[in-house]
């Protein structure tokens, strides 16, 4: 009976914590590279995406999710800067976000900090993105794809 009660309490706590997050934007991966080596098949076949979400206490988090393998990296962002570039004859309008990401990996319990650059590109068919992540190992992780949602982090 005690075990049953503890399980009910655990699932209730998880559900409440999950409900207190609000996803702001989702970035579906269509292309991926690690140190200029193509990793696209792994990310696309496992329904991988990135998200920005806001917690109940209004803190902005960033997450990397590999759905089919239940792998996640997640954590708070800081030092967020944003620059915008208007559409020109030779380029689409874009917004560039730079920030530090303090992350934790669910799959190996590693914690670290990464520099992140996200470019959101407004194209006629939708919003594309280019993402570069440089963790403390100085690996270069690059992703491209499309965005869902609106990225209002102000």
C-alpha atoms as a PDB file:
ATOM      1  CA  UNK A   1       0.000   0.000   0.000  1.00  0.00           C
ATOM      2  CA  UNK A   2       2.845   2.405   0.829  1.00  0.00           C
ATOM      3  CA  UNK A   3       4.522   1.677  -2.502  1.00  0.00           C
ATOM      4  CA  UNK A   4       1.286   2.392  -4.334  1.00  0.00           C
ATOM      5  CA  UNK A   5       0.902   5.705  -2.493  1.00  0.00           C
ATOM      6  CA  UNK A   6       4.509   6.683  -3.278  1.00  0.00           C
ATOM      7  CA  UNK A   7       4.039   5.862  -6.967  1.00  0.00           C
ATOM      8  CA  UNK A   8       0.877   7.959  -7.129  1.00  0.00           C
ATOM      9  CA  UNK A   9       2.677  10.866  -5.454  1.00  0.00           C
ATOM     10  CA  UNK A  10       5.656  10.531  -7.813  1.00  0.00           C
ATOM     11  CA  UNK A  11       3.509  10.560 -10.958  1.00  0.00           C
ATOM     12  CA  UNK A  12       1.468  13.487  -9.640  1.00  0.00           C
ATOM     13  CA  UNK A  13       4.640  15.463  -8.966  1.00  0.00           C
ATOM     14  CA  UNK A  14       6.006  14.717 -12.435  1.00  0.00           C
ATOM     15  CA  UNK A  15       2.709  15.714 -14.053  1.00  0.00           C
ATOM     16  CA  UNK A  16       2.535  18.992 -12.102  1.00  0.00           C
ATOM     17  CA  UNK A  17       6.154  19.834 -12.982  1.00  0.00           C
ATOM     18  CA  UNK A  18       5.508  19.072 -16.657  1.00  0.00           C
ATOM     19  CA  UNK A  19       2.353  21.188 -16.735  1.00  0.00           C
ATOM     20  CA  UNK A  20       4.248  24.165 -15.350  1.00  0.00           C
ATOM     21  CA  UNK A  21       6.354  24.411 -18.504  1.00  0.00           C
ATOM     22  CA  UNK A  22       5.218  26.373 -21.506  1.00  0.00           C
ATOM     23  CA  UNK A  23       6.867  25.547 -24.839  1.00  0.00           C
ATOM     24  CA  UNK A  24       7.573  28.742 -26.759  1.00  0.00           C
ATOM     25  CA  UNK A  25       9.117  27.337 -29.941  1.00  0.00           C
ATOM     26  CA  UNK A  26      10.058  23.974 -31.433  1.00  0.00           C
ATOM     27  CA  UNK A  27      12.869  23.461 -33.957  1.00  0.00           C
ATOM     28  CA  UNK A  28      12.647  20.213 -35.938  1.00  0.00           C
ATOM     29  CA  UNK A  29      16.020  18.914 -37.142  1.00  0.00           C
ATOM     30  CA  UNK A  30      16.378  18.156 -40.862  1.00  0.00           C
ATOM     31  CA  UNK A  31      20.180  18.288 -41.079  1.00  0.00           C
ATOM     32  CA  UNK A  32      22.876  17.657 -38.447  1.00  0.00           C
ATOM     33  CA  UNK A  33      26.665  17.642 -38.278  1.00  0.00           C
ATOM     34  CA  UNK A  34      29.185  17.062 -35.512  1.00  0.00           C
ATOM     35  CA  UNK A  35      32.630  18.463 -36.294  1.00  0.00           C
ATOM     36  CA  UNK A  36      31.655  18.572 -40.000  1.00  0.00           C
ATOM     37  CA  UNK A  37      30.670  14.873 -40.032  1.00  0.00           C
ATOM     38  CA  UNK A  38      27.109  14.237 -41.207  1.00  0.00           C
ATOM     39  CA  UNK A  39      24.805  12.969 -38.436  1.00  0.00           C
ATOM     40  CA  UNK A  40      21.518  13.700 -40.227  1.00  0.00           C
ATOM     41  CA  UNK A  41      20.211  10.125 -40.405  1.00  0.00           C
ATOM     42  CA  UNK A  42      20.441   9.624 -36.629  1.00  0.00           C
ATOM     43  CA  UNK A  43      18.630  12.866 -35.833  1.00  0.00           C
ATOM     44  CA  UNK A  44      15.920  12.634 -38.485  1.00  0.00           C
ATOM     45  CA  UNK A  45      15.149   8.940 -37.933  1.00  0.00           C
ATOM     46  CA  UNK A  46      14.784   9.564 -34.189  1.00  0.00           C
ATOM     47  CA  UNK A  47      12.435  12.571 -34.494  1.00  0.00           C
ATOM     48  CA  UNK A  48      14.904  15.027 -32.962  1.00  0.00           C
ATOM     49  CA  UNK A  49      14.106  18.617 -32.137  1.00  0.00           C
ATOM     50  CA  UNK A  50      15.082  21.560 -29.949  1.00  0.00           C
ATOM     51  CA  UNK A  51      12.728  23.606 -27.788  1.00  0.00           C
ATOM     52  CA  UNK A  52      12.635  26.805 -25.819  1.00  0.00           C
ATOM     53  CA  UNK A  53      10.330  26.623 -22.844  1.00  0.00           C
ATOM     54  CA  UNK A  54       9.471  28.841 -19.925  1.00  0.00           C
ATOM     55  CA  UNK A  55       9.004  27.506 -16.415  1.00  0.00           C
ATOM     56  CA  UNK A  56       6.379  28.649 -13.916  1.00  0.00           C
ATOM     57  CA  UNK A  57       8.934  31.004 -12.354  1.00  0.00           C
ATOM     58  CA  UNK A  58       9.496  32.634 -15.801  1.00  0.00           C
ATOM     59  CA  UNK A  59      12.965  31.182 -16.390  1.00  0.00           C
ATOM     60  CA  UNK A  60      13.840  30.386 -20.022  1.00  0.00           C
ATOM     61  CA  UNK A  61      15.164  26.890 -20.738  1.00  0.00           C
ATOM     62  CA  UNK A  62      16.516  25.265 -23.885  1.00  0.00           C
ATOM     63  CA  UNK A  63      16.309  21.571 -24.631  1.00  0.00           C
ATOM     64  CA  UNK A  64      17.540  19.046 -27.167  1.00  0.00           C
ATOM     65  CA  UNK A  65      15.243  16.035 -27.521  1.00  0.00           C
ATOM     66  CA  UNK A  66      15.879  12.797 -29.422  1.00  0.00           C
ATOM     67  CA  UNK A  67      12.350  11.395 -29.155  1.00  0.00           C
ATOM     68  CA  UNK A  68      12.713   7.740 -30.090  1.00  0.00           C
ATOM     69  CA  UNK A  69      15.701   7.156 -27.800  1.00  0.00           C
ATOM     70  CA  UNK A  70      14.396   9.243 -24.866  1.00  0.00           C
ATOM     71  CA  UNK A  71      17.648  11.214 -24.821  1.00  0.00           C
ATOM     72  CA  UNK A  72      17.504  14.806 -23.666  1.00  0.00           C
ATOM     73  CA  UNK A  73      19.829  17.654 -22.880  1.00  0.00           C
ATOM     74  CA  UNK A  74      18.148  20.517 -21.076  1.00  0.00           C
ATOM     75  CA  UNK A  75      18.878  23.527 -18.938  1.00  0.00           C
ATOM     76  CA  UNK A  76      18.620  27.240 -18.327  1.00  0.00           C
ATOM     77  CA  UNK A  77      19.952  29.863 -20.691  1.00  0.00           C
ATOM     78  CA  UNK A  78      21.726  33.093 -19.776  1.00  0.00           C
ATOM     79  CA  UNK A  79      23.422  36.072 -21.414  1.00  0.00           C
ATOM     80  CA  UNK A  80      20.804  36.142 -24.176  1.00  0.00           C
ATOM     81  CA  UNK A  81      21.377  38.666 -26.960  1.00  0.00           C
ATOM     82  CA  UNK A  82      19.301  39.194 -30.077  1.00  0.00           C
ATOM     83  CA  UNK A  83      20.055  40.972 -33.326  1.00  0.00           C
ATOM     84  CA  UNK A  84      17.759  41.363 -36.316  1.00  0.00           C
ATOM     85  CA  UNK A  85      18.549  41.800 -39.987  1.00  0.00           C
ATOM     86  CA  UNK A  86      15.917  43.021 -42.461  1.00  0.00           C
ATOM     87  CA  UNK A  87      15.146  41.319 -45.737  1.00  0.00           C
ATOM     88  CA  UNK A  88      17.288  42.499 -48.634  1.00  0.00           C
ATOM     89  CA  UNK A  89      17.457  41.649 -52.329  1.00  0.00           C
ATOM     90  CA  UNK A  90      19.969  38.894 -51.557  1.00  0.00           C
ATOM     91  CA  UNK A  91      18.851  37.581 -48.149  1.00  0.00           C
ATOM     92  CA  UNK A  92      15.787  36.821 -46.055  1.00  0.00           C
ATOM     93  CA  UNK A  93      14.957  38.629 -42.827  1.00  0.00           C
ATOM     94  CA  UNK A  94      16.569  36.951 -39.841  1.00  0.00           C
ATOM     95  CA  UNK A  95      16.926  37.081 -36.080  1.00  0.00           C
ATOM     96  CA  UNK A  96      20.100  35.866 -34.398  1.00  0.00           C
ATOM     97  CA  UNK A  97      20.068  34.721 -30.777  1.00  0.00           C
ATOM     98  CA  UNK A  98      23.295  34.105 -28.861  1.00  0.00           C
ATOM     99  CA  UNK A  99      23.279  32.664 -25.346  1.00  0.00           C
ATOM    100  CA  UNK A 100      25.020  30.450 -22.838  1.00  0.00           C
ATOM    101  CA  UNK A 101      23.310  27.150 -22.096  1.00  0.00           C
ATOM    102  CA  UNK A 102      23.873  25.355 -18.793  1.00  0.00           C
ATOM    103  CA  UNK A 103      22.773  21.846 -19.695  1.00  0.00           C
ATOM    104  CA  UNK A 104      22.361  18.389 -18.211  1.00  0.00           C
ATOM    105  CA  UNK A 105      22.218  15.203 -20.277  1.00  0.00           C
ATOM    106  CA  UNK A 106      19.600  12.631 -19.322  1.00  0.00           C
ATOM    107  CA  UNK A 107      21.535   9.786 -20.948  1.00  0.00           C
ATOM    108  CA  UNK A 108      24.898  10.112 -19.167  1.00  0.00           C
ATOM    109  CA  UNK A 109      24.261  12.618 -16.336  1.00  0.00           C
ATOM    110  CA  UNK A 110      26.940  14.942 -17.780  1.00  0.00           C
ATOM    111  CA  UNK A 111      26.517  18.631 -17.011  1.00  0.00           C
ATOM    112  CA  UNK A 112      28.208  21.476 -18.815  1.00  0.00           C
ATOM    113  CA  UNK A 113      27.963  24.857 -20.436  1.00  0.00           C
ATOM    114  CA  UNK A 114      27.766  25.616 -24.142  1.00  0.00           C
ATOM    115  CA  UNK A 115      27.791  28.697 -26.313  1.00  0.00           C
ATOM    116  CA  UNK A 116      24.803  28.674 -28.638  1.00  0.00           C
ATOM    117  CA  UNK A 117      23.999  30.661 -31.768  1.00  0.00           C
ATOM    118  CA  UNK A 118      20.523  30.311 -33.260  1.00  0.00           C
ATOM    119  CA  UNK A 119      19.601  32.033 -36.511  1.00  0.00           C
ATOM    120  CA  UNK A 120      15.891  32.164 -37.306  1.00  0.00           C
ATOM    121  CA  UNK A 121      15.300  32.843 -41.018  1.00  0.00           C
ATOM    122  CA  UNK A 122      11.919  34.057 -42.294  1.00  0.00           C
ATOM    123  CA  UNK A 123      11.346  32.465 -45.702  1.00  0.00           C
ATOM    124  CA  UNK A 124       8.185  32.580 -47.845  1.00  0.00           C
ATOM    125  CA  UNK A 125       7.390  28.925 -47.035  1.00  0.00           C
ATOM    126  CA  UNK A 126       7.930  29.224 -43.277  1.00  0.00           C
ATOM    127  CA  UNK A 127      10.639  29.836 -40.718  1.00  0.00           C
ATOM    128  CA  UNK A 128      13.937  27.983 -41.080  1.00  0.00           C
ATOM    129  CA  UNK A 129      16.708  27.795 -38.498  1.00  0.00           C
ATOM    130  CA  UNK A 130      20.450  27.291 -38.285  1.00  0.00           C
ATOM    131  CA  UNK A 131      21.827  26.322 -34.893  1.00  0.00           C
ATOM    132  CA  UNK A 132      25.437  26.084 -33.725  1.00  0.00           C
ATOM    133  CA  UNK A 133      26.341  24.688 -30.316  1.00  0.00           C
ATOM    134  CA  UNK A 134      29.878  24.708 -28.949  1.00  0.00           C
ATOM    135  CA  UNK A 135      30.126  22.864 -25.611  1.00  0.00           C
ATOM    136  CA  UNK A 136      33.120  22.969 -23.286  1.00  0.00           C
ATOM    137  CA  UNK A 137      34.753  20.157 -25.334  1.00  0.00           C
ATOM    138  CA  UNK A 138      34.926  22.663 -28.232  1.00  0.00           C
ATOM    139  CA  UNK A 139      33.081  20.266 -30.550  1.00  0.00           C
ATOM    140  CA  UNK A 140      31.054  22.017 -33.248  1.00  0.00           C
ATOM    141  CA  UNK A 141      27.432  20.837 -33.387  1.00  0.00           C
ATOM    142  CA  UNK A 142      25.412  22.233 -36.301  1.00  0.00           C
ATOM    143  CA  UNK A 143      21.732  21.742 -37.046  1.00  0.00           C
ATOM    144  CA  UNK A 144      19.281  23.038 -39.640  1.00  0.00           C
ATOM    145  CA  UNK A 145      15.558  22.635 -40.045  1.00  0.00           C
ATOM    146  CA  UNK A 146      12.261  24.419 -39.520  1.00  0.00           C
ATOM    147  CA  UNK A 147      10.626  26.195 -36.612  1.00  0.00           C
ATOM    148  CA  UNK A 148       7.145  25.931 -35.110  1.00  0.00           C
ATOM    149  CA  UNK A 149       5.778  28.545 -32.711  1.00  0.00           C
ATOM    150  CA  UNK A 150       6.927  32.069 -31.967  1.00  0.00           C
ATOM    151  CA  UNK A 151      10.183  32.950 -30.312  1.00  0.00           C
ATOM    152  CA  UNK A 152       9.170  35.755 -27.960  1.00  0.00           C
ATOM    153  CA  UNK A 153      11.719  35.529 -25.166  1.00  0.00           C
ATOM    154  CA  UNK A 154      11.596  39.190 -24.125  1.00  0.00           C
END
